[in-house]
Amino acid sequence: MTIPVMAKARIGHFAEAQILQSLGVDYVDESEVLTPADEAHHIDKWAFTVPFVCGATNLGEALRRISEGACMIRSKGEAGTGNIVEAVRHLRSIIGDIRKVTQADEAELFDWAKRLQSPLPLVQEVAETGELPVPMFCAGGIATPADASLVMQLGAQAVFVGSGIFKSDDPAPRARAIVEATTNFADPAMLAKVSRGLGDAMPGLELGSLETRLADRGW
């Protein structure tokens, strides 16, 4: 059995990404969880062979990261909080704007491209397909099987879970339960079954108490 390795690099820190690629990691996450290295530029991901995942809070951010070469997009949420509200806000924002773009005519797509600060061909592709041109994950605050079901039903294609598992009472059963919930997200009976006996979830943090909002990093 092999386990894919995803390693974080700071926003804009292409040298860090080069090192990670040389080490043979499977994916690089250009992550807002780490302090950004560059306040004006993200990494040029086209210069790498390793696939990148990047966070986004809205459709414009998602398309800008894709134009830089990101192979996967995750709605940012607020990492390490156990509070899913920001993940839901960002996911709904991205999907809501995708719906609006699909209803726009050709002239309106030019305006959308300017508003989103994104390349017109990418905006046109979203209008034609009704989805991002790369897989969209949801992350940040997912702590229970029900959380995974919620974001999958809202339109995410998969989930990222970190501290939501490892800061819970019993990480291994919770990890298995969240995998089951992601696979069977539309089956309430299955969700109830896998949620039994998991112990306490990671305690959720009130976002107003945070000194730094990680999701605000990036542009």
Foldseek 3Di string as FASTA:
>chain_A
DDDAAEEEDEFPCVVVVVVVVVVPHQEYENFLVDPHPDQPHGDQQVVDPRAYEYEDQAQLQVQVVVVSPHQEYEHRAFAPFLACPSLVNSLCRHLVVLVVLLPDDPVVLVVVCVVSVHDSVQSVVSNVPVDHPHAYEYEYNDQALLSLLVSVVSPHLYYDDDCSQVQFPHRPLRVVLNVQSNVPSPDVVSNVVSRPPRHGTRDGDDPVPDPDRSSPRDD
